[in-house]
């Protein structure tokens, strides 16, 4: 009597991995052993990249904000300090969007930040 190999399920599983590996170079798209490893690595990279993307976006917002602040005559760090002192709780994404799309509103925020910094300095002096 022959042993049971669960052949349909095994074939389905292998075909699925090879489908994911389509387009990979050489053996990695043709042979199950190498395709499985390549697909697993690809999934690890994509998982890490989804987390890294958040930091990349934040860095982009900060660069945009810094450029907008400099053109308004204030440094990024002083601007953020002023917003905190003025109890303005907008995040960097929204601030960056304002700096790009609505320069008048952004300049208003810069002015509020400056005023808050002056009152903060007056309190400490």
PDB file of N, CA and C in Angstrom:
ATOM      1  N   UNK A   1       0.834  -1.180   0.000  1.00  0.00           N
ATOM      2  CA  UNK A   1       0.000   0.000   0.000  1.00  0.00           C
ATOM      3  C   UNK A   1       0.887   1.254   0.000  1.00  0.00           C
ATOM      4  N   UNK A   2       0.533   2.216  -0.857  1.00  0.00           N
ATOM      5  CA  UNK A   2       1.337   3.444  -0.979  1.00  0.00           C
ATOM      6  C   UNK A   2       0.997   4.412   0.150  1.00  0.00           C
ATOM      7  N   UNK A   3       1.979   5.221   0.501  1.00  0.00           N
ATOM      8  CA  UNK A   3       1.733   6.189   1.571  1.00  0.00           C
ATOM      9  C   UNK A   3       0.957   7.387   1.034  1.00  0.00           C
ATOM     10  N   UNK A   4       0.208   8.032   1.905  1.00  0.00           N
ATOM     11  CA  UNK A   4      -0.558   9.218   1.523  1.00  0.00           C
ATOM     12  C   UNK A   4       0.366  10.438   1.570  1.00  0.00           C
ATOM     13  N   UNK A   5       0.338  11.245   0.508  1.00  0.00           N
ATOM     14  CA  UNK A   5       1.259  12.382   0.429  1.00  0.00           C
ATOM     15  C   UNK A   5       0.553  13.733   0.536  1.00  0.00           C
ATOM     16  N   UNK A   6      -0.768  13.713   0.604  1.00  0.00           N
ATOM     17  CA  UNK A   6      -1.527  14.966   0.635  1.00  0.00           C
ATOM     18  C   UNK A   6      -1.166  15.819  -0.582  1.00  0.00           C
ATOM     19  N   UNK A   7      -1.060  15.145  -1.712  1.00  0.00           N
ATOM     20  CA  UNK A   7      -0.554  15.761  -2.930  1.00  0.00           C
ATOM     21  C   UNK A   7      -1.321  17.011  -3.388  1.00  0.00           C
ATOM     22  N   UNK A   8      -2.642  17.020  -3.424  1.00  0.00           N
ATOM     23  CA  UNK A   8      -3.333  18.224  -3.919  1.00  0.00           C
ATOM     24  C   UNK A   8      -3.022  19.469  -3.080  1.00  0.00           C
ATOM     25  N   UNK A   9      -3.011  19.315  -1.769  1.00  0.00           N
ATOM     26  CA  UNK A   9      -2.743  20.467  -0.901  1.00  0.00           C
ATOM     27  C   UNK A   9      -1.298  20.928  -1.041  1.00  0.00           C
ATOM     28  N   UNK A  10      -0.368  19.966  -1.142  1.00  0.00           N
ATOM     29  CA  UNK A  10       1.045  20.323  -1.288  1.00  0.00           C
ATOM     30  C   UNK A  10       1.269  21.071  -2.598  1.00  0.00           C
ATOM     31  N   UNK A  11       0.658  20.560  -3.659  1.00  0.00           N
ATOM     32  CA  UNK A  11       0.823  21.206  -4.961  1.00  0.00           C
ATOM     33  C   UNK A  11       0.230  22.616  -4.935  1.00  0.00           C
ATOM     34  N   UNK A  12      -0.928  22.748  -4.306  1.00  0.00           N
ATOM     35  CA  UNK A  12      -1.570  24.059  -4.219  1.00  0.00           C
ATOM     36  C   UNK A  12      -0.685  25.047  -3.450  1.00  0.00           C
ATOM     37  N   UNK A  13      -0.122  24.585  -2.345  1.00  0.00           N
ATOM     38  CA  UNK A  13       0.739  25.437  -1.530  1.00  0.00           C
ATOM     39  C   UNK A  13       1.975  25.871  -2.325  1.00  0.00           C
ATOM     40  N   UNK A  14       2.577  24.936  -3.046  1.00  0.00           N
ATOM     41  CA  UNK A  14       3.777  25.247  -3.825  1.00  0.00           C
ATOM     42  C   UNK A  14       3.466  26.187  -4.982  1.00  0.00           C
ATOM     43  N   UNK A  15       2.324  25.960  -5.630  1.00  0.00           N
ATOM     44  CA  UNK A  15       1.941  26.840  -6.730  1.00  0.00           C
ATOM     45  C   UNK A  15       1.689  28.259  -6.234  1.00  0.00           C
ATOM     46  N   UNK A  16       1.143  28.357  -5.032  1.00  0.00           N
ATOM     47  CA  UNK A  16       0.862  29.674  -4.462  1.00  0.00           C
ATOM     48  C   UNK A  16       2.169  30.435  -4.216  1.00  0.00           C
ATOM     49  N   UNK A  17       3.163  29.744  -3.670  1.00  0.00           N
ATOM     50  CA  UNK A  17       4.459  30.385  -3.412  1.00  0.00           C
ATOM     51  C   UNK A  17       5.098  30.795  -4.730  1.00  0.00           C
ATOM     52  N   UNK A  18       5.040  29.929  -5.738  1.00  0.00           N
ATOM     53  CA  UNK A  18       5.635  30.252  -7.034  1.00  0.00           C
ATOM     54  C   UNK A  18       4.899  31.424  -7.690  1.00  0.00           C
ATOM     55  N   UNK A  19       3.611  31.533  -7.429  1.00  0.00           N
ATOM     56  CA  UNK A  19       2.844  32.666  -7.958  1.00  0.00           C
ATOM     57  C   UNK A  19       3.327  33.967  -7.327  1.00  0.00           C
ATOM     58  N   UNK A  20       3.571  33.942  -6.020  1.00  0.00           N
ATOM     59  CA  UNK A  20       4.099  35.133  -5.334  1.00  0.00           C
ATOM     60  C   UNK A  20       5.482  35.503  -5.852  1.00  0.00           C
ATOM     61  N   UNK A  21       6.268  34.485  -6.257  1.00  0.00           N
ATOM     62  CA  UNK A  21       7.653  34.709  -6.674  1.00  0.00           C
ATOM     63  C   UNK A  21       7.762  35.051  -8.155  1.00  0.00           C
ATOM     64  N   UNK A  22       6.638  35.192  -8.823  1.00  0.00           N
ATOM     65  CA  UNK A  22       6.668  35.492 -10.255  1.00  0.00           C
ATOM     66  C   UNK A  22       7.395  36.817 -10.478  1.00  0.00           C
ATOM     67  N   UNK A  23       8.325  36.823 -11.417  1.00  0.00           N
ATOM     68  CA  UNK A  23       9.080  38.033 -11.704  1.00  0.00           C
ATOM     69  C   UNK A  23      10.423  38.089 -10.996  1.00  0.00           C
ATOM     70  N   UNK A  24      10.660  37.183 -10.051  1.00  0.00           N
ATOM     71  CA  UNK A  24      11.957  37.147  -9.388  1.00  0.00           C
ATOM     72  C   UNK A  24      12.982  36.584 -10.365  1.00  0.00           C
ATOM     73  N   UNK A  25      14.262  36.883 -10.100  1.00  0.00           N
ATOM     74  CA  UNK A  25      15.329  36.520 -11.027  1.00  0.00           C
ATOM     75  C   UNK A  25      15.736  35.057 -10.864  1.00  0.00           C
ATOM     76  N   UNK A  26      15.907  34.377 -11.986  1.00  0.00           N
ATOM     77  CA  UNK A  26      16.494  33.037 -12.018  1.00  0.00           C
ATOM     78  C   UNK A  26      15.693  31.995 -11.265  1.00  0.00           C
ATOM     79  N   UNK A  27      16.415  31.164 -10.484  1.00  0.00           N
ATOM     80  CA  UNK A  27      15.797  30.057  -9.756  1.00  0.00           C
ATOM     81  C   UNK A  27      14.725  30.518  -8.789  1.00  0.00           C
ATOM     82  N   UNK A  28      14.837  31.756  -8.332  1.00  0.00           N
ATOM     83  CA  UNK A  28      13.916  32.238  -7.303  1.00  0.00           C
ATOM     84  C   UNK A  28      12.481  32.323  -7.808  1.00  0.00           C
ATOM     85  N   UNK A  29      12.299  32.311  -9.116  1.00  0.00           N
ATOM     86  CA  UNK A  29      10.933  32.319  -9.635  1.00  0.00           C
ATOM     87  C   UNK A  29      10.517  30.965 -10.199  1.00  0.00           C
ATOM     88  N   UNK A  30      11.446  30.014 -10.254  1.00  0.00           N
ATOM     89  CA  UNK A  30      11.155  28.735 -10.915  1.00  0.00           C
ATOM     90  C   UNK A  30      11.105  27.552  -9.946  1.00  0.00           C
ATOM     91  N   UNK A  31      12.003  27.532  -8.953  1.00  0.00           N
ATOM     92  CA  UNK A  31      12.133  26.374  -8.086  1.00  0.00           C
ATOM     93  C   UNK A  31      11.573  26.689  -6.704  1.00  0.00           C
ATOM     94  N   UNK A  32      10.740  25.796  -6.199  1.00  0.00           N
ATOM     95  CA  UNK A  32      10.019  26.047  -4.949  1.00  0.00           C
ATOM     96  C   UNK A  32      10.957  26.344  -3.792  1.00  0.00           C
ATOM     97  N   UNK A  33      12.036  25.581  -3.674  1.00  0.00           N
ATOM     98  CA  UNK A  33      12.936  25.726  -2.531  1.00  0.00           C
ATOM     99  C   UNK A  33      13.464  27.160  -2.439  1.00  0.00           C
ATOM    100  N   UNK A  34      13.879  27.721  -3.573  1.00  0.00           N
ATOM    101  CA  UNK A  34      14.462  29.054  -3.579  1.00  0.00           C
ATOM    102  C   UNK A  34      13.378  30.140  -3.593  1.00  0.00           C
ATOM    103  N   UNK A  35      12.271  29.814  -4.228  1.00  0.00           N
ATOM    104  CA  UNK A  35      11.163  30.778  -4.271  1.00  0.00           C
ATOM    105  C   UNK A  35      10.601  31.008  -2.875  1.00  0.00           C
ATOM    106  N   UNK A  36      10.482  29.941  -2.097  1.00  0.00           N
ATOM    107  CA  UNK A  36       9.928  30.059  -0.741  1.00  0.00           C
ATOM    108  C   UNK A  36      10.780  31.005   0.105  1.00  0.00           C
ATOM    109  N   UNK A  37      12.092  30.845   0.020  1.00  0.00           N
ATOM    110  CA  UNK A  37      12.997  31.694   0.786  1.00  0.00           C
ATOM    111  C   UNK A  37      12.917  33.148   0.320  1.00  0.00           C
ATOM    112  N   UNK A  38      12.879  33.344  -0.995  1.00  0.00           N
ATOM    113  CA  UNK A  38      12.818  34.703  -1.541  1.00  0.00           C
ATOM    114  C   UNK A  38      11.519  35.398  -1.145  1.00  0.00           C
ATOM    115  N   UNK A  39      10.419  34.665  -1.168  1.00  0.00           N
ATOM    116  CA  UNK A  39       9.121  35.241  -0.806  1.00  0.00           C
ATOM    117  C   UNK A  39       9.105  35.601   0.674  1.00  0.00           C
ATOM    118  N   UNK A  40       9.653  34.735   1.504  1.00  0.00           N
ATOM    119  CA  UNK A  40       9.687  35.036   2.939  1.00  0.00           C
ATOM    120  C   UNK A  40      10.507  36.288   3.217  1.00  0.00           C
ATOM    121  N   UNK A  41      11.642  36.427   2.540  1.00  0.00           N
ATOM    122  CA  UNK A  41      12.454  37.633   2.710  1.00  0.00           C
ATOM    123  C   UNK A  41      11.697  38.862   2.227  1.00  0.00           C
ATOM    124  N   UNK A  42      11.028  38.711   1.090  1.00  0.00           N
ATOM    125  CA  UNK A  42      10.273  39.843   0.546  1.00  0.00           C
ATOM    126  C   UNK A  42       9.203  40.294   1.528  1.00  0.00           C
ATOM    127  N   UNK A  43       8.538  39.358   2.168  1.00  0.00           N
ATOM    128  CA  UNK A  43       7.497  39.715   3.145  1.00  0.00           C
ATOM    129  C   UNK A  43       8.108  40.405   4.360  1.00  0.00           C
ATOM    130  N   UNK A  44       9.282  39.959   4.783  1.00  0.00           N
ATOM    131  CA  UNK A  44       9.945  40.627   5.908  1.00  0.00           C
ATOM    132  C   UNK A  44      10.300  42.066   5.541  1.00  0.00           C
ATOM    133  N   UNK A  45      10.834  42.250   4.335  1.00  0.00           N
ATOM    134  CA  UNK A  45      11.205  43.595   3.900  1.00  0.00           C
ATOM    135  C   UNK A  45       9.973  44.487   3.792  1.00  0.00           C
ATOM    136  N   UNK A  46       8.892  43.938   3.261  1.00  0.00           N
ATOM    137  CA  UNK A  46       7.699  44.761   3.092  1.00  0.00           C
ATOM    138  C   UNK A  46       7.084  45.126   4.437  1.00  0.00           C
ATOM    139  N   UNK A  47       7.152  44.235   5.402  1.00  0.00           N
ATOM    140  CA  UNK A  47       6.647  44.526   6.747  1.00  0.00           C
ATOM    141  C   UNK A  47       7.447  45.666   7.374  1.00  0.00           C
ATOM    142  N   UNK A  48       8.770  45.566   7.276  1.00  0.00           N
ATOM    143  CA  UNK A  48       9.628  46.610   7.843  1.00  0.00           C
ATOM    144  C   UNK A  48       9.435  47.925   7.108  1.00  0.00           C
ATOM    145  N   UNK A  49       9.256  47.870   5.801  1.00  0.00           N
ATOM    146  CA  UNK A  49       9.107  49.091   5.002  1.00  0.00           C
ATOM    147  C   UNK A  49       7.812  49.811   5.339  1.00  0.00           C
ATOM    148  N   UNK A  50       6.766  49.049   5.673  1.00  0.00           N
ATOM    149  CA  UNK A  50       5.503  49.704   6.057  1.00  0.00           C
ATOM    150  C   UNK A  50       5.677  50.504   7.334  1.00  0.00           C
ATOM    151  N   UNK A  51       6.518  50.062   8.226  1.00  0.00           N
ATOM    152  CA  UNK A  51       6.784  50.820   9.449  1.00  0.00           C
ATOM    153  C   UNK A  51       7.722  52.000   9.164  1.00  0.00           C
ATOM    154  N   UNK A  52       8.716  51.766   8.324  1.00  0.00           N
ATOM    155  CA  UNK A  52       9.689  52.806   7.982  1.00  0.00           C
ATOM    156  C   UNK A  52       9.022  53.959   7.245  1.00  0.00           C
ATOM    157  N   UNK A  53       7.977  53.642   6.483  1.00  0.00           N
ATOM    158  CA  UNK A  53       7.280  54.652   5.704  1.00  0.00           C
ATOM    159  C   UNK A  53       6.732  55.766   6.590  1.00  0.00           C
ATOM    160  N   UNK A  54       6.295  55.415   7.803  1.00  0.00           N
ATOM    161  CA  UNK A  54       5.755  56.411   8.726  1.00  0.00           C
ATOM    162  C   UNK A  54       6.819  57.444   9.091  1.00  0.00           C
ATOM    163  N   UNK A  55       8.016  56.963   9.391  1.00  0.00           N
ATOM    164  CA  UNK A  55       9.108  57.872   9.727  1.00  0.00           C
ATOM    165  C   UNK A  55       9.541  58.712   8.540  1.00  0.00           C
ATOM    166  N   UNK A  56       9.518  58.116   7.352  1.00  0.00           N
ATOM    167  CA  UNK A  56       9.887  58.852   6.146  1.00  0.00           C
ATOM    168  C   UNK A  56       8.919  59.998   5.897  1.00  0.00           C
ATOM    169  N   UNK A  57       7.621  59.725   6.096  1.00  0.00           N
ATOM    170  CA  UNK A  57       6.610  60.778   5.922  1.00  0.00           C
ATOM    171  C   UNK A  57       6.849  61.915   6.917  1.00  0.00           C
ATOM    172  N   UNK A  58       7.081  61.555   8.173  1.00  0.00           N
ATOM    173  CA  UNK A  58       7.311  62.579   9.196  1.00  0.00           C
ATOM    174  C   UNK A  58       8.532  63.422   8.848  1.00  0.00           C
ATOM    175  N   UNK A  59       9.598  62.783   8.369  1.00  0.00           N
ATOM    176  CA  UNK A  59      10.793  63.521   7.961  1.00  0.00           C
ATOM    177  C   UNK A  59      10.479  64.496   6.834  1.00  0.00           C
ATOM    178  N   UNK A  60       9.667  64.062   5.894  1.00  0.00           N
ATOM    179  CA  UNK A  60       9.280  64.921   4.780  1.00  0.00           C
ATOM    180  C   UNK A  60       8.503  66.133   5.281  1.00  0.00           C
ATOM    181  N   UNK A  61       7.562  65.905   6.205  1.00  0.00           N
ATOM    182  CA  UNK A  61       6.780  67.023   6.751  1.00  0.00           C
ATOM    183  C   UNK A  61       7.696  68.011   7.459  1.00  0.00           C
ATOM    184  N   UNK A  62       8.667  67.497   8.201  1.00  0.00           N
ATOM    185  CA  UNK A  62       9.574  68.375   8.943  1.00  0.00           C
ATOM    186  C   UNK A  62      10.428  69.197   7.985  1.00  0.00           C
ATOM    187  N   UNK A  63      10.902  68.593   6.909  1.00  0.00           N
ATOM    188  CA  UNK A  63      11.698  69.319   5.918  1.00  0.00           C
ATOM    189  C   UNK A  63      10.861  70.432   5.291  1.00  0.00           C
ATOM    190  N   UNK A  64       9.617  70.111   4.933  1.00  0.00           N
ATOM    191  CA  UNK A  64       8.734  71.124   4.345  1.00  0.00           C
ATOM    192  C   UNK A  64       8.456  72.259   5.335  1.00  0.00           C
ATOM    193  N   UNK A  65       8.192  71.877   6.582  1.00  0.00           N
ATOM    194  CA  UNK A  65       7.920  72.889   7.599  1.00  0.00           C
ATOM    195  C   UNK A  65       9.137  73.783   7.823  1.00  0.00           C
ATOM    196  N   UNK A  66      10.297  73.180   7.875  1.00  0.00           N
ATOM    197  CA  UNK A  66      11.521  73.940   8.084  1.00  0.00           C
ATOM    198  C   UNK A  66      11.703  74.964   6.970  1.00  0.00           C
ATOM    199  N   UNK A  67      11.484  74.557   5.731  1.00  0.00           N
ATOM    200  CA  UNK A  67      11.627  75.473   4.599  1.00  0.00           C
ATOM    201  C   UNK A  67      10.610  76.611   4.698  1.00  0.00           C
ATOM    202  N   UNK A  68       9.375  76.279   5.053  1.00  0.00           N
ATOM    203  CA  UNK A  68       8.339  77.306   5.159  1.00  0.00           C
ATOM    204  C   UNK A  68       8.629  78.256   6.319  1.00  0.00           C
ATOM    205  N   UNK A  69       9.114  77.715   7.425  1.00  0.00           N
ATOM    206  CA  UNK A  69       9.444  78.550   8.584  1.00  0.00           C
ATOM    207  C   UNK A  69      10.587  79.498   8.254  1.00  0.00           C
ATOM    208  N   UNK A  70      11.613  78.979   7.604  1.00  0.00           N
ATOM    209  CA  UNK A  70      12.766  79.810   7.258  1.00  0.00           C
ATOM    210  C   UNK A  70      12.335  80.962   6.350  1.00  0.00           C
ATOM    211  N   UNK A  71      11.437  80.683   5.407  1.00  0.00           N
ATOM    212  CA  UNK A  71      10.983  81.764   4.524  1.00  0.00           C
ATOM    213  C   UNK A  71      10.121  82.770   5.287  1.00  0.00           C
ATOM    214  N   UNK A  72       9.534  82.345   6.415  1.00  0.00           N
ATOM    215  CA  UNK A  72       8.747  83.261   7.248  1.00  0.00           C
ATOM    216  C   UNK A  72       9.618  83.945   8.303  1.00  0.00           C
ATOM    217  N   UNK A  73      10.902  83.601   8.355  1.00  0.00           N
ATOM    218  CA  UNK A  73      11.827  84.289   9.244  1.00  0.00           C
ATOM    219  C   UNK A  73      11.922  83.716  10.645  1.00  0.00           C
ATOM    220  N   UNK A  74      11.655  82.428  10.788  1.00  0.00           N
ATOM    221  CA  UNK A  74      11.762  81.771  12.099  1.00  0.00           C
ATOM    222  C   UNK A  74      12.313  80.375  11.867  1.00  0.00           C
ATOM    223  N   UNK A  75      13.045  79.844  12.835  1.00  0.00           N
ATOM    224  CA  UNK A  75      13.559  78.481  12.669  1.00  0.00           C
ATOM    225  C   UNK A  75      12.465  77.474  13.026  1.00  0.00           C
ATOM    226  N   UNK A  76      12.619  76.281  12.526  1.00  0.00           N
ATOM    227  CA  UNK A  76      11.624  75.233  12.763  1.00  0.00           C
ATOM    228  C   UNK A  76      11.460  74.953  14.254  1.00  0.00           C
ATOM    229  N   UNK A  77      12.585  74.852  14.969  1.00  0.00           N
ATOM    230  CA  UNK A  77      12.503  74.492  16.383  1.00  0.00           C
ATOM    231  C   UNK A  77      11.837  75.597  17.200  1.00  0.00           C
ATOM    232  N   UNK A  78      12.135  76.846  16.879  1.00  0.00           N
ATOM    233  CA  UNK A  78      11.491  77.963  17.583  1.00  0.00           C
ATOM    234  C   UNK A  78       9.999  78.013  17.257  1.00  0.00           C
ATOM    235  N   UNK A  79       9.654  77.707  16.012  1.00  0.00           N
ATOM    236  CA  UNK A  79       8.249  77.670  15.599  1.00  0.00           C
ATOM    237  C   UNK A  79       7.480  76.623  16.394  1.00  0.00           C
ATOM    238  N   UNK A  80       8.042  75.421  16.499  1.00  0.00           N
ATOM    239  CA  UNK A  80       7.374  74.345  17.236  1.00  0.00           C
ATOM    240  C   UNK A  80       7.290  74.688  18.726  1.00  0.00           C
ATOM    241  N   UNK A  81       8.336  75.309  19.254  1.00  0.00           N
ATOM    242  CA  UNK A  81       8.319  75.731  20.656  1.00  0.00           C
ATOM    243  C   UNK A  81       7.224  76.774  20.885  1.00  0.00           C
ATOM    244  N   UNK A  82       7.089  77.699  19.940  1.00  0.00           N
ATOM    245  CA  UNK A  82       6.056  78.723  20.044  1.00  0.00           C
ATOM    246  C   UNK A  82       4.655  78.152  19.956  1.00  0.00           C
ATOM    247  N   UNK A  83       4.464  77.177  19.077  1.00  0.00           N
ATOM    248  CA  UNK A  83       3.142  76.536  18.969  1.00  0.00           C
ATOM    249  C   UNK A  83       2.781  75.819  20.263  1.00  0.00           C
ATOM    250  N   UNK A  84       3.766  75.164  20.846  1.00  0.00           N
ATOM    251  CA  UNK A  84       3.521  74.466  22.109  1.00  0.00           C
ATOM    252  C   UNK A  84       3.174  75.469  23.207  1.00  0.00           C
ATOM    253  N   UNK A  85       3.884  76.600  23.234  1.00  0.00           N
ATOM    254  CA  UNK A  85       3.619  77.633  24.239  1.00  0.00           C
ATOM    255  C   UNK A  85       2.242  78.260  24.031  1.00  0.00           C
ATOM    256  N   UNK A  86       1.794  78.310  22.767  1.00  0.00           N
ATOM    257  CA  UNK A  86       0.485  78.896  22.457  1.00  0.00           C
ATOM    258  C   UNK A  86      -0.643  77.872  22.573  1.00  0.00           C
ATOM    259  N   UNK A  87      -0.305  76.644  22.989  1.00  0.00           N
ATOM    260  CA  UNK A  87      -1.286  75.547  23.105  1.00  0.00           C
ATOM    261  C   UNK A  87      -2.005  75.262  21.786  1.00  0.00           C
ATOM    262  N   UNK A  88      -1.255  75.281  20.715  1.00  0.00           N
ATOM    263  CA  UNK A  88      -1.788  74.909  19.398  1.00  0.00           C
ATOM    264  C   UNK A  88      -1.355  73.479  19.131  1.00  0.00           C
ATOM    265  N   UNK A  89      -2.319  72.586  19.077  1.00  0.00           N
ATOM    266  CA  UNK A  89      -2.010  71.159  19.015  1.00  0.00           C
ATOM    267  C   UNK A  89      -2.067  70.548  17.635  1.00  0.00           C
ATOM    268  N   UNK A  90      -1.682  71.297  16.605  1.00  0.00           N
ATOM    269  CA  UNK A  90      -1.684  70.736  15.250  1.00  0.00           C
ATOM    270  C   UNK A  90      -0.448  69.871  15.053  1.00  0.00           C
ATOM    271  N   UNK A  91      -0.628  68.749  14.367  1.00  0.00           N
ATOM    272  CA  UNK A  91       0.524  67.881  14.125  1.00  0.00           C
ATOM    273  C   UNK A  91       1.282  68.325  12.875  1.00  0.00           C
ATOM    274  N   UNK A  92       2.432  67.701  12.660  1.00  0.00           N
ATOM    275  CA  UNK A  92       3.323  68.127  11.585  1.00  0.00           C
ATOM    276  C   UNK A  92       2.707  67.910  10.206  1.00  0.00           C
ATOM    277  N   UNK A  93       1.885  66.886  10.077  1.00  0.00           N
ATOM    278  CA  UNK A  93       1.237  66.618   8.795  1.00  0.00           C
ATOM    279  C   UNK A  93       0.333  67.779   8.406  1.00  0.00           C
ATOM    280  N   UNK A  94      -0.502  68.212   9.333  1.00  0.00           N
ATOM    281  CA  UNK A  94      -1.437  69.301   9.066  1.00  0.00           C
ATOM    282  C   UNK A  94      -0.680  70.613   8.843  1.00  0.00           C
ATOM    283  N   UNK A  95       0.337  70.855   9.672  1.00  0.00           N
ATOM    284  CA  UNK A  95       1.128  72.078   9.526  1.00  0.00           C
ATOM    285  C   UNK A  95       1.818  72.124   8.164  1.00  0.00           C
ATOM    286  N   UNK A  96       2.360  70.993   7.735  1.00  0.00           N
ATOM    287  CA  UNK A  96       3.025  70.917   6.442  1.00  0.00           C
ATOM    288  C   UNK A  96       2.039  71.200   5.317  1.00  0.00           C
ATOM    289  N   UNK A  97       0.851  70.631   5.427  1.00  0.00           N
ATOM    290  CA  UNK A  97      -0.186  70.845   4.423  1.00  0.00           C
ATOM    291  C   UNK A  97      -0.586  72.320   4.381  1.00  0.00           C
ATOM    292  N   UNK A  98      -0.708  72.937   5.547  1.00  0.00           N
ATOM    293  CA  UNK A  98      -1.035  74.368   5.609  1.00  0.00           C
ATOM    294  C   UNK A  98       0.068  75.202   4.959  1.00  0.00           C
ATOM    295  N   UNK A  99       1.304  74.860   5.238  1.00  0.00           N
ATOM    296  CA  UNK A  99       2.427  75.613   4.688  1.00  0.00           C
ATOM    297  C   UNK A  99       2.425  75.569   3.162  1.00  0.00           C
ATOM    298  N   UNK A 100       2.017  74.435   2.601  1.00  0.00           N
ATOM    299  CA  UNK A 100       2.008  74.285   1.146  1.00  0.00           C
ATOM    300  C   UNK A 100       0.781  74.953   0.528  1.00  0.00           C
ATOM    301  N   UNK A 101      -0.404  74.686   1.103  1.00  0.00           N
ATOM    302  CA  UNK A 101      -1.657  75.078   0.470  1.00  0.00           C
ATOM    303  C   UNK A 101      -2.190  76.453   0.885  1.00  0.00           C
ATOM    304  N   UNK A 102      -1.940  76.856   2.123  1.00  0.00           N
ATOM    305  CA  UNK A 102      -2.542  78.098   2.618  1.00  0.00           C
ATOM    306  C   UNK A 102      -1.485  78.922   3.355  1.00  0.00           C
ATOM    307  N   UNK A 103      -0.763  79.718   2.590  1.00  0.00           N
ATOM    308  CA  UNK A 103       0.362  80.465   3.153  1.00  0.00           C
ATOM    309  C   UNK A 103      -0.104  81.517   4.155  1.00  0.00           C
ATOM    310  N   UNK A 104      -1.283  82.109   3.919  1.00  0.00           N
ATOM    311  CA  UNK A 104      -1.803  83.139   4.827  1.00  0.00           C
ATOM    312  C   UNK A 104      -2.077  82.541   6.207  1.00  0.00           C
ATOM    313  N   UNK A 105      -2.717  81.377   6.238  1.00  0.00           N
ATOM    314  CA  UNK A 105      -3.010  80.716   7.513  1.00  0.00           C
ATOM    315  C   UNK A 105      -1.719  80.306   8.212  1.00  0.00           C
ATOM    316  N   UNK A 106      -0.759  79.825   7.433  1.00  0.00           N
ATOM    317  CA  UNK A 106       0.514  79.411   8.026  1.00  0.00           C
ATOM    318  C   UNK A 106       1.240  80.609   8.630  1.00  0.00           C
ATOM    319  N   UNK A 107       1.228  81.737   7.927  1.00  0.00           N
ATOM    320  CA  UNK A 107       1.870  82.937   8.464  1.00  0.00           C
ATOM    321  C   UNK A 107       1.165  83.412   9.731  1.00  0.00           C
ATOM    322  N   UNK A 108      -0.146  83.200   9.811  1.00  0.00           N
ATOM    323  CA  UNK A 108      -0.873  83.511  11.037  1.00  0.00           C
ATOM    324  C   UNK A 108      -0.396  82.647  12.195  1.00  0.00           C
ATOM    325  N   UNK A 109      -0.165  81.365  11.920  1.00  0.00           N
ATOM    326  CA  UNK A 109       0.363  80.465  12.949  1.00  0.00           C
ATOM    327  C   UNK A 109       1.768  80.879  13.381  1.00  0.00           C
ATOM    328  N   UNK A 110       2.571  81.307  12.407  1.00  0.00           N
ATOM    329  CA  UNK A 110       3.928  81.766  12.730  1.00  0.00           C
ATOM    330  C   UNK A 110       3.849  82.969  13.662  1.00  0.00           C
ATOM    331  N   UNK A 111       2.932  83.871  13.366  1.00  0.00           N
ATOM    332  CA  UNK A 111       2.783  85.058  14.205  1.00  0.00           C
ATOM    333  C   UNK A 111       2.322  84.685  15.613  1.00  0.00           C
ATOM    334  N   UNK A 112       1.383  83.747  15.704  1.00  0.00           N
ATOM    335  CA  UNK A 112       0.932  83.279  17.025  1.00  0.00           C
ATOM    336  C   UNK A 112       2.090  82.642  17.794  1.00  0.00           C
ATOM    337  N   UNK A 113       2.920  81.877  17.094  1.00  0.00           N
ATOM    338  CA  UNK A 113       4.071  81.237  17.728  1.00  0.00           C
ATOM    339  C   UNK A 113       5.049  82.296  18.237  1.00  0.00           C
ATOM    340  N   UNK A 114       5.284  83.328  17.431  1.00  0.00           N
ATOM    341  CA  UNK A 114       6.184  84.415  17.849  1.00  0.00           C
ATOM    342  C   UNK A 114       5.648  85.112  19.101  1.00  0.00           C
ATOM    343  N   UNK A 115       4.353  85.421  19.098  1.00  0.00           N
ATOM    344  CA  UNK A 115       3.741  86.103  20.249  1.00  0.00           C
ATOM    345  C   UNK A 115       3.852  85.254  21.507  1.00  0.00           C
ATOM    346  N   UNK A 116       3.608  83.949  21.360  1.00  0.00           N
ATOM    347  CA  UNK A 116       3.693  83.049  22.509  1.00  0.00           C
ATOM    348  C   UNK A 116       5.123  82.973  23.039  1.00  0.00           C
ATOM    349  N   UNK A 117       6.107  83.003  22.131  1.00  0.00           N
ATOM    350  CA  UNK A 117       7.506  82.990  22.552  1.00  0.00           C
ATOM    351  C   UNK A 117       7.860  84.269  23.323  1.00  0.00           C
ATOM    352  N   UNK A 118       7.307  85.414  22.878  1.00  0.00           N
ATOM    353  CA  UNK A 118       7.570  86.676  23.574  1.00  0.00           C
ATOM    354  C   UNK A 118       6.983  86.654  24.982  1.00  0.00           C
ATOM    355  N   UNK A 119       5.752  86.156  25.117  1.00  0.00           N
ATOM    356  CA  UNK A 119       5.132  86.106  26.446  1.00  0.00           C
ATOM    357  C   UNK A 119       5.859  85.101  27.334  1.00  0.00           C
ATOM    358  N   UNK A 120       6.324  84.022  26.733  1.00  0.00           N
ATOM    359  CA  UNK A 120       7.083  83.019  27.498  1.00  0.00           C
ATOM    360  C   UNK A 120       8.391  83.632  28.004  1.00  0.00           C
ATOM    361  N   UNK A 121       9.059  84.406  27.153  1.00  0.00           N
ATOM    362  CA  UNK A 121      10.309  85.040  27.552  1.00  0.00           C
ATOM    363  C   UNK A 121      10.057  86.107  28.622  1.00  0.00           C
ATOM    364  N   UNK A 122       8.942  86.807  28.504  1.00  0.00           N
ATOM    365  CA  UNK A 122       8.613  87.843  29.497  1.00  0.00           C
ATOM    366  C   UNK A 122       8.335  87.232  30.867  1.00  0.00           C
ATOM    367  N   UNK A 123       7.706  86.042  30.868  1.00  0.00           N
ATOM    368  CA  UNK A 123       7.402  85.370  32.142  1.00  0.00           C
ATOM    369  C   UNK A 123       8.676  84.896  32.839  1.00  0.00           C
ATOM    370  N   UNK A 124       9.633  84.408  32.068  1.00  0.00           N
ATOM    371  CA  UNK A 124      10.854  83.878  32.675  1.00  0.00           C
ATOM    372  C   UNK A 124      11.798  84.994  33.103  1.00  0.00           C
ATOM    373  N   UNK A 125      11.684  86.164  32.464  1.00  0.00           N
ATOM    374  CA  UNK A 125      12.599  87.267  32.803  1.00  0.00           C
ATOM    375  C   UNK A 125      12.143  88.063  34.001  1.00  0.00           C
TER     376      UNK A 125
END
